[in-house]
Protein backbone atom coordinates (compact mmCIF):
# COMPACT_ATOMS: atom_id res chain seq x y z
CA MET A 1 3.38 -21.24 -4.26
CA LEU A 2 2.71 -17.94 -6.02
CA ALA A 3 5.62 -15.56 -6.48
CA LYS A 4 5.96 -12.96 -3.74
CA ARG A 5 5.78 -9.36 -4.90
CA VAL A 6 8.12 -6.45 -4.21
CA ILE A 7 6.29 -3.13 -4.40
CA PRO A 8 7.73 0.38 -4.14
CA CYS A 9 5.37 3.07 -2.86
CA LEU A 10 5.19 6.69 -3.96
CA ASP A 11 3.71 8.90 -1.22
CA VAL A 12 2.88 12.07 -3.15
CA ARG A 13 2.13 15.51 -1.75
CA ALA A 14 1.80 18.61 -3.93
CA GLY A 15 3.20 16.72 -6.89
CA ARG A 16 6.35 15.47 -5.14
CA VAL A 17 7.29 12.15 -3.52
CA VAL A 18 7.74 12.62 0.23
CA LYS A 19 8.57 10.37 3.18
CA GLY A 20 8.16 10.60 6.94
CA ILE A 21 8.48 8.56 10.15
CA ASN A 22 5.39 7.22 11.93
CA PHE A 23 3.29 9.22 9.45
CA SER A 24 4.91 12.55 10.46
CA GLY A 25 8.10 14.55 9.91
CA VAL A 26 7.60 14.52 6.15
CA GLN A 27 10.52 15.43 3.86
CA ASP A 28 10.77 15.94 0.12
CA VAL A 29 12.33 13.05 -1.82
CA ALA A 30 11.95 13.19 -5.60
CA ASP A 31 9.89 13.58 -8.73
CA PRO A 32 7.25 10.81 -8.88
CA VAL A 33 7.44 10.39 -12.65
CA ALA A 34 11.20 9.82 -12.62
CA LEU A 35 10.94 7.39 -9.69
CA ALA A 36 8.11 5.46 -11.33
CA LYS A 37 10.19 4.91 -14.48
CA LYS A 38 13.18 3.87 -12.36
CA TYR A 39 11.17 1.21 -10.52
CA ASN A 40 9.58 -0.07 -13.70
CA ASP A 41 13.02 -0.51 -15.26
CA GLU A 42 14.52 -2.11 -12.12
CA GLY A 43 12.01 -4.95 -11.96
CA ALA A 44 9.41 -3.90 -9.41
CA ASP A 45 6.35 -6.16 -9.56
CA GLU A 46 3.88 -3.35 -9.01
CA LEU A 47 3.77 0.30 -8.01
CA VAL A 48 1.60 2.04 -5.44
CA PHE A 49 0.79 5.75 -5.75
CA TYR A 50 -0.78 7.53 -2.78
CA ASP A 51 -1.89 11.16 -2.80
CA ILE A 52 -1.32 11.32 0.96
CA THR A 53 -3.12 14.58 1.77
CA ALA A 54 -6.16 14.25 -0.49
CA SER A 55 -8.39 12.79 2.24
CA VAL A 56 -7.43 15.14 5.05
CA GLU A 57 -7.74 18.12 2.69
CA GLU A 58 -11.08 16.72 1.46
CA ARG A 59 -10.21 17.12 -2.20
CA LYS A 60 -9.94 14.98 -5.30
CA LEU A 61 -6.74 13.10 -6.07
CA PHE A 62 -4.35 14.98 -8.37
CA THR A 63 -4.72 13.27 -11.74
CA ARG A 64 -2.20 15.22 -13.81
CA VAL A 65 0.79 13.69 -12.01
CA LEU A 66 -0.90 10.29 -11.96
CA GLU A 67 -1.36 10.30 -15.73
CA LYS A 68 2.33 11.07 -16.25
CA VAL A 69 3.32 8.25 -13.87
CA ALA A 70 1.05 5.77 -15.64
CA GLU A 71 2.61 6.67 -18.99
CA GLN A 72 6.05 5.64 -17.73
CA ILE A 73 5.31 2.16 -16.43
CA PHE A 74 4.21 -1.25 -17.72
CA ILE A 75 3.60 -2.89 -14.34
CA PRO A 76 0.33 -2.90 -12.35
CA LEU A 77 -0.43 0.44 -10.70
CA THR A 78 -2.50 0.86 -7.53
CA VAL A 79 -3.69 4.36 -6.72
CA GLY A 80 -5.22 5.83 -3.57
CA GLY A 81 -5.97 9.11 -1.85
CA GLY A 82 -9.26 11.00 -1.75
CA ILE A 83 -11.30 8.05 -3.08
CA ARG A 84 -14.78 8.72 -1.69
CA GLU A 85 -17.27 7.73 -4.41
CA LEU A 86 -17.66 5.58 -7.50
CA ASP A 87 -16.85 8.52 -9.77
CA ASP A 88 -13.40 8.64 -8.13
CA PHE A 89 -12.81 5.01 -9.13
CA ALA A 90 -13.77 5.82 -12.71
CA ARG A 91 -11.53 8.89 -12.83
CA VAL A 92 -8.47 7.12 -11.42
CA LEU A 93 -8.90 4.04 -13.59
CA GLY A 94 -9.27 6.35 -16.56
CA CYS A 95 -5.88 7.85 -15.75
CA GLY A 96 -4.19 4.46 -16.09
CA ALA A 97 -4.56 2.80 -12.69
CA ASP A 98 -5.15 -0.96 -12.55
CA LYS A 99 -6.40 -1.04 -8.96
CA VAL A 100 -7.90 1.57 -6.65
CA SER A 101 -7.05 1.81 -2.98
CA VAL A 102 -9.72 3.05 -0.61
CA ASN A 103 -9.19 3.91 3.06
CA SER A 104 -10.89 6.94 4.62
CA GLY A 105 -13.59 6.87 1.94
CA ALA A 106 -14.68 3.40 3.05
CA ILE A 107 -14.68 4.48 6.69
CA ALA A 108 -16.99 7.36 5.80
CA ASP A 109 -19.22 5.17 3.61
CA PHE A 110 -18.67 1.44 3.91
CA SER A 111 -21.04 0.70 1.00
CA LEU A 112 -18.38 2.11 -1.33
CA ILE A 113 -16.44 -1.18 -1.21
CA GLY A 114 -19.37 -3.31 -2.32
CA ARG A 115 -20.56 -0.86 -4.94
CA ALA A 116 -17.09 -0.58 -6.45
CA ALA A 117 -16.58 -4.36 -6.41
CA ASN A 118 -19.92 -4.88 -8.15
CA LYS A 119 -19.09 -2.34 -10.84
CA TYR A 120 -15.38 -2.93 -11.43
CA GLY A 121 -14.69 -6.35 -9.90
CA SER A 122 -13.12 -7.30 -6.58
CA GLN A 123 -9.68 -7.52 -8.18
CA CYS A 124 -9.83 -3.74 -8.68
CA VAL A 125 -10.74 -2.84 -5.07
CA VAL A 126 -7.90 -2.58 -2.56
CA LEU A 127 -8.74 -1.93 1.08
CA SER A 128 -5.88 0.07 2.59
CA MET A 129 -5.71 0.26 6.38
CA ASP A 130 -3.59 2.52 8.60
CA VAL A 131 -3.35 0.63 11.89
CA LYS A 132 -1.85 1.43 15.29
CA ARG A 133 -1.91 -0.31 18.65
CA VAL A 134 -4.18 1.51 21.08
CA ASN A 135 -4.59 -0.01 24.55
CA GLY A 136 -3.45 -3.37 23.20
CA LYS A 137 -5.91 -3.39 20.30
CA PHE A 138 -5.11 -3.07 16.60
CA THR A 139 -7.03 0.12 15.86
CA LEU A 140 -7.98 1.62 12.50
CA PHE A 141 -6.98 5.21 11.75
CA ALA A 142 -8.35 7.52 9.06
CA LYS A 143 -7.18 10.58 7.12
CA GLY A 144 -3.58 9.55 6.65
CA GLY A 145 -3.18 8.17 10.16
CA ARG A 146 -4.37 11.38 11.81
CA GLU A 147 -7.77 10.28 13.12
CA ASN A 148 -8.46 7.40 15.53
CA THR A 149 -11.69 5.73 14.46
CA GLY A 150 -11.86 3.38 17.45
CA ILE A 151 -12.62 0.54 15.01
CA ASP A 152 -11.00 -2.87 15.50
CA ALA A 153 -8.78 -3.19 12.41
CA LEU A 154 -9.02 -6.97 12.12
CA ASP A 155 -12.81 -6.90 12.26
CA TRP A 156 -12.76 -4.12 9.68
CA ALA A 157 -10.56 -6.11 7.32
CA GLU A 158 -12.76 -9.17 7.56
CA ARG A 159 -15.85 -7.08 6.91
CA GLY A 160 -14.23 -5.40 3.91
CA VAL A 161 -13.28 -8.70 2.31
CA LYS A 162 -16.79 -10.07 2.80
CA ASP A 163 -18.14 -6.99 1.04
CA GLY A 164 -15.85 -7.38 -1.97
CA ALA A 165 -12.35 -6.03 -1.34
CA GLY A 166 -9.95 -8.21 -3.35
CA GLU A 167 -6.72 -7.18 -1.63
CA ILE A 168 -5.57 -5.55 1.60
CA VAL A 169 -2.67 -3.20 2.25
CA LEU A 170 -1.78 -3.17 5.94
CA ASN A 171 0.11 -0.02 6.89
CA SER A 172 1.49 -0.28 10.42
CA ILE A 173 1.78 3.20 11.89
CA ASP A 174 3.85 1.74 14.73
CA THR A 175 6.64 0.63 12.38
CA ASP A 176 6.25 3.14 9.53
CA GLY A 177 9.55 4.75 8.53
CA VAL A 178 11.40 3.32 11.54
CA LYS A 179 13.23 0.71 9.42
CA GLY A 180 13.14 -1.89 12.17
CA GLY A 181 11.28 -4.51 10.17
CA PHE A 182 7.68 -5.20 9.19
CA ASP A 183 5.03 -5.54 11.89
CA ILE A 184 5.12 -9.34 11.97
CA GLU A 185 2.61 -9.79 14.79
CA MET A 186 0.03 -7.51 13.18
CA LEU A 187 0.44 -9.20 9.81
CA GLN A 188 0.16 -12.70 11.24
CA ARG A 189 -3.07 -11.78 12.97
CA LEU A 190 -4.50 -10.25 9.81
CA CYS A 191 -3.59 -13.22 7.60
CA GLU A 192 -5.43 -15.49 10.03
CA ARG A 193 -8.61 -13.52 9.41
CA VAL A 194 -8.74 -12.98 5.64
CA ASP A 195 -8.28 -15.08 2.52
CA VAL A 196 -7.30 -12.39 0.00
CA PRO A 197 -3.79 -11.15 -0.87
CA VAL A 198 -2.20 -9.11 1.92
CA ILE A 199 0.47 -6.48 1.26
CA ALA A 200 2.74 -5.65 4.18
CA SER A 201 3.63 -1.98 4.56
CA GLY A 202 5.66 -0.04 7.11
CA GLY A 203 9.02 -0.81 8.66
CA ALA A 204 11.27 -2.24 5.95
CA GLY A 205 14.85 -1.14 6.49
CA LYS A 206 16.97 -3.83 4.86
CA THR A 207 16.85 -6.92 2.68
CA GLU A 208 16.58 -9.23 5.70
CA ASP A 209 13.28 -7.61 6.66
CA PHE A 210 11.70 -8.98 3.48
CA VAL A 211 13.18 -12.41 4.11
CA GLU A 212 11.75 -12.37 7.65
CA LEU A 213 8.37 -11.20 6.37
CA PHE A 214 7.88 -14.03 3.90
CA GLU A 215 9.35 -16.69 6.20
CA LYS A 216 7.35 -15.71 9.30
CA VAL A 217 4.17 -14.60 7.53
CA PRO A 218 3.71 -17.05 4.65
CA GLY A 219 0.24 -15.60 4.09
CA ALA A 220 1.72 -12.24 3.10
CA ASP A 221 1.71 -11.87 -0.68
CA ALA A 222 3.87 -8.78 -1.00
CA GLY A 223 6.20 -6.42 0.79
CA LEU A 224 5.83 -2.70 0.20
CA ALA A 225 8.48 -0.09 1.00
CA ALA A 226 9.39 3.47 0.15
CA SER A 227 12.51 5.18 1.47
CA ILE A 228 14.86 2.20 1.25
CA PHE A 229 14.13 2.05 -2.47
CA HIS A 230 14.00 5.82 -2.98
CA PHE A 231 17.47 6.30 -1.51
CA ASP A 232 18.96 3.12 -3.07
CA GLU A 233 19.59 1.57 0.33
CA VAL A 234 18.15 -1.63 -1.14
CA LYS A 235 18.16 -2.40 -4.86
CA ILE A 236 15.11 -4.28 -6.10
CA LYS A 237 17.21 -6.57 -8.28
CA ASP A 238 19.49 -7.46 -5.35
CA LEU A 239 16.53 -7.96 -3.04
CA LYS A 240 14.88 -10.41 -5.42
CA ALA A 241 18.14 -12.31 -5.86
CA ARG A 242 18.42 -12.69 -2.09
CA LEU A 243 14.81 -13.84 -1.75
CA GLU A 244 15.34 -16.42 -4.49
CA LYS A 245 18.49 -17.63 -2.74
CA GLU A 246 16.46 -18.11 0.44
CA GLY A 247 13.95 -20.27 -1.43
CA ILE A 248 11.26 -17.60 -1.59
CA PRO A 249 9.58 -17.55 -5.01
CA VAL A 250 9.90 -14.23 -6.87
CA ARG A 251 9.73 -13.00 -10.45
CA ILE A 252 13.27 -12.30 -11.60
C-alpha cells in the first residue's frame, strides 16, 4: 500500500493566510511564506496554496507571494485560484508549482482539463471540487463555494478524470472548518467512482479524524487540513507517528 499523505493548506487572500468556517467568517492567520517553511521543516508530504478570491474577483493568481513560498520548500506544491486558461498553468508552474489545481475555470470551460493534461501531463492537473449537499445530492459549487452550479459532483469528478485530471481534491463545504471530522460518506462515494488519487479536505479537527479517514475510506490517498496545523492543535510529526502506530503507512 502506498504511503498516505498529510497535506497542510494555505488559503491566501491579499497576501495573507486566512481561515473560515463553511467557507465564510474568514479571519487572518499568518504569513504564507513563514507557514510554508514551517510545514516543509515539520515533515509535511506536500503543500497546497489557494488564492481563494482570485476566481470570484475574476483576476489572475498573485504570483509574487507564490514565488516566495516556492523558494522556501522542497516538497511538492499544488497551486490553485484563478486558473482559467493554459497560460495560467504556464505562469503558475513557472513560479515553482508542481501541480495546478483547477476548479471554477474548468466549470467555465471544461476543455481546459483535457488541454492542460495533453500539454503538461495528467499528473500536473488537479481537479478541485467544492461540494455541498443540496436536496440530498452532492452538488458542485463554483467561485470559492459561493455559486451553486446545479452539477452532480460525482458525475463531474468522473468526467474530469476521463478527460485527464490526475488527482482530485474534494472540499466538503458541509464540514469545512467545523472540525467534526472529514466527510466520510461523500469521500466513500467519490472513491467508488474514480481511480485517481483523492485528497480529502474539510473537517479535520484532531488526530483521530485522520485515522478514521484512512480506515473508513481506504481509497483516500491524503488528508488535507488548515487551521489545526496553523494553530498547532495537531503537530504533523505527532500525527504521522499516530498513523504509523495504527498501521497506516506514512512517510516518517
